[in-house]
Protein backbone atom coordinates (compact mmCIF):
# COMPACT_ATOMS: atom_id res chain seq x y z
CA MET A 1 -59.26 91.32 -11.30
CA THR A 2 -58.29 91.23 -14.95
CA ASP A 3 -58.32 87.50 -15.64
CA PRO A 4 -61.37 86.11 -17.47
CA ALA A 5 -62.59 83.96 -14.57
CA HIS A 6 -62.73 86.92 -12.17
CA ALA A 7 -64.31 89.14 -14.81
CA CYS A 8 -66.97 86.50 -15.48
CA ALA A 9 -67.66 86.05 -11.74
CA PHE A 10 -67.91 89.82 -11.31
CA ASP A 11 -70.44 90.07 -14.15
CA ALA A 12 -72.54 87.24 -12.69
CA VAL A 13 -72.57 88.69 -9.17
CA ARG A 14 -73.30 92.21 -10.47
CA ASP A 15 -76.18 90.92 -12.59
CA PHE A 16 -77.57 88.89 -9.68
CA LEU A 17 -77.41 91.83 -7.27
CA GLY A 18 -78.95 94.06 -9.91
CA ARG A 19 -81.92 91.72 -10.17
CA VAL A 20 -82.26 91.51 -6.38
CA PHE A 21 -82.16 95.27 -5.92
CA THR A 22 -84.44 95.97 -8.86
CA THR A 23 -86.99 93.49 -7.56
CA ALA A 24 -86.79 94.59 -3.92
CA GLU A 25 -86.29 98.33 -4.09
CA GLY A 26 -89.77 99.20 -5.33
CA GLU A 27 -91.40 97.63 -2.30
CA SER A 28 -88.97 98.95 0.28
CA LEU A 29 -88.77 102.45 -1.19
CA GLU A 30 -92.54 102.81 -0.99
CA ALA A 31 -92.35 102.55 2.80
CA VAL A 32 -89.50 105.10 2.93
CA ALA A 33 -91.33 107.47 0.58
CA GLY A 34 -94.54 107.10 2.58
CA LEU A 35 -92.71 108.43 5.63
CA LYS A 36 -91.13 111.22 3.56
CA LEU A 37 -87.61 110.18 4.51
CA SER A 38 -84.53 111.35 2.68
CA PHE A 39 -81.98 108.79 1.56
CA THR A 40 -79.69 109.97 4.38
CA GLN A 41 -82.43 109.55 6.98
CA ALA A 42 -83.22 106.04 5.74
CA ARG A 43 -79.50 105.15 5.93
CA LEU A 44 -79.35 106.37 9.53
CA VAL A 45 -82.38 104.28 10.54
CA PHE A 46 -81.07 101.19 8.74
CA ALA A 47 -77.59 101.61 10.28
CA LEU A 48 -79.05 101.98 13.78
CA ALA A 49 -81.23 98.90 13.29
CA HIS A 50 -78.04 96.80 13.26
CA HIS A 51 -77.26 97.83 16.84
CA ASP A 52 -78.90 96.37 19.92
CA ASP A 53 -77.67 99.16 22.20
CA PRO A 54 -77.76 102.97 21.85
CA VAL A 55 -74.92 104.46 19.78
CA PRO A 56 -73.18 107.83 20.26
CA ILE A 57 -74.33 110.23 17.53
CA GLY A 58 -70.72 110.87 16.48
CA ASP A 59 -70.08 107.15 15.95
CA LEU A 60 -73.26 106.81 13.89
CA ALA A 61 -72.29 109.84 11.81
CA ASP A 62 -68.86 108.33 11.13
CA SER A 63 -70.33 104.96 10.17
CA VAL A 64 -72.49 106.49 7.42
CA GLY A 65 -69.99 109.14 6.31
CA LEU A 66 -71.74 112.24 7.67
CA SER A 67 -70.49 115.16 9.68
CA ALA A 68 -71.78 115.34 13.24
CA ALA A 69 -73.78 118.45 12.31
CA ALA A 70 -75.46 116.79 9.32
CA ALA A 71 -76.21 113.68 11.37
CA GLY A 72 -77.66 115.84 14.15
CA ARG A 73 -80.03 117.67 11.78
CA ASN A 74 -81.29 114.40 10.31
CA ILE A 75 -81.55 112.74 13.71
CA GLU A 76 -83.73 115.60 14.95
CA GLN A 77 -86.20 114.93 12.13
CA LEU A 78 -86.10 111.17 12.77
CA VAL A 79 -86.82 111.72 16.47
CA ARG A 80 -89.86 113.83 15.50
CA LYS A 81 -91.03 111.01 13.20
CA LYS A 82 -90.59 108.58 16.12
CA LEU A 83 -88.18 106.38 14.14
CA ILE A 84 -85.31 106.82 16.60
CA VAL A 85 -84.96 107.85 20.23
CA ARG A 86 -82.27 110.11 21.63
CA THR A 87 -80.90 109.95 25.18
CA GLU A 88 -78.05 111.55 27.11
CA ASN A 89 -75.03 109.69 28.37
CA PRO A 90 -75.53 109.65 32.16
CA GLN A 91 -71.75 110.02 32.70
CA ASP A 92 -71.32 112.90 30.21
CA ARG A 93 -74.43 114.89 29.31
CA ARG A 94 -72.63 116.42 26.31
CA VAL A 95 -72.68 112.98 24.62
CA LYS A 96 -76.01 112.02 23.06
CA PHE A 97 -76.98 108.45 22.24
CA VAL A 98 -79.48 107.32 19.63
CA ALA A 99 -81.27 104.03 19.15
CA VAL A 100 -83.83 102.81 16.69
CA SER A 101 -87.40 102.88 18.01
CA ASP A 102 -89.89 100.05 17.54
CA ARG A 103 -91.33 101.96 14.58
CA GLY A 104 -87.85 102.41 13.08
CA ARG A 105 -87.00 98.75 13.62
CA GLU A 106 -90.23 97.80 11.84
CA LEU A 107 -89.25 99.98 8.86
CA ALA A 108 -85.75 98.49 8.72
CA GLY A 109 -87.16 94.97 9.07
CA SER A 110 -89.59 95.57 6.22
CA HIS A 111 -86.74 96.89 4.06
CA LEU A 112 -84.63 93.80 4.77
CA LYS A 113 -87.58 91.44 4.25
CA SER A 114 -88.26 92.88 0.79
CA LYS A 115 -84.66 92.09 -0.21
CA GLU A 116 -84.86 88.59 1.30
CA ASP A 117 -88.14 87.95 -0.53
CA ALA A 118 -86.53 89.05 -3.81
CA VAL A 119 -83.66 86.58 -3.31
CA ARG A 120 -86.13 83.81 -2.48
CA ARG A 121 -88.09 84.51 -5.68
CA LEU A 122 -84.89 84.29 -7.73
CA LEU A 123 -83.84 81.07 -5.99
CA ASP A 124 -87.24 79.52 -6.69
CA ASP A 125 -86.16 79.27 -10.34
CA LEU A 126 -83.22 76.99 -9.42
CA ASP A 127 -83.31 73.26 -8.94
CA PRO A 128 -81.83 71.75 -5.74
CA ALA A 129 -78.49 70.90 -7.38
CA GLN A 130 -78.10 74.51 -8.55
CA CYS A 131 -78.94 75.77 -5.06
CA LEU A 132 -76.24 73.55 -3.55
CA ALA A 133 -73.71 74.65 -6.20
CA LEU A 134 -74.55 78.30 -5.47
CA THR A 135 -74.17 77.71 -1.72
CA GLU A 136 -70.77 76.14 -2.24
CA ALA A 137 -69.64 78.92 -4.58
CA LEU A 138 -70.66 81.64 -2.12
CA GLN A 139 -68.96 80.09 0.94
CA PRO A 140 -65.59 81.84 0.44
CA LEU A 141 -67.37 85.19 0.16
CA VAL A 142 -69.53 84.87 3.27
CA LYS A 143 -67.09 83.21 5.68
CA GLU A 144 -66.05 86.51 7.22
CA VAL A 145 -68.23 89.44 6.32
CA PRO A 146 -66.66 92.69 7.53
CA ASP A 147 -68.80 94.86 9.83
CA VAL A 148 -68.96 98.03 7.74
CA SER A 149 -71.11 99.79 10.32
CA GLN A 150 -68.02 100.00 12.55
CA SER A 151 -65.64 101.36 9.92
CA SER A 152 -65.12 105.04 9.35
């Protein structure tokens, strides 16, 4: 990515994302801080919120780059805070599953909504032609978004 066009596009996207995150993070971090969650615990809740079904603890740990032991310690605290629920695999009781609770889903939804609201506020400054141009420019980037929650 050394040619001027790519460098210019990178700068524009970086600046845009910086504005979105700066605008949104204050609101969403207040909710996380109010629950006294660590960054790792928040990541676990947000990662689980993307799943409709319970996930094996080991798979969740891999998806956020934690050891099984570190994930287990954080999951124990999240269960106590009623942000996730833990169950056993009926076929193999050694395997534990976790899922986001209603309270955890509400937290994750609020976090996502604050980011969406920040994007909407930024887009409010654009006229319709600029919105259409932005939509067209973003199409190649959003055609196939990789599912990073499934990668290790």
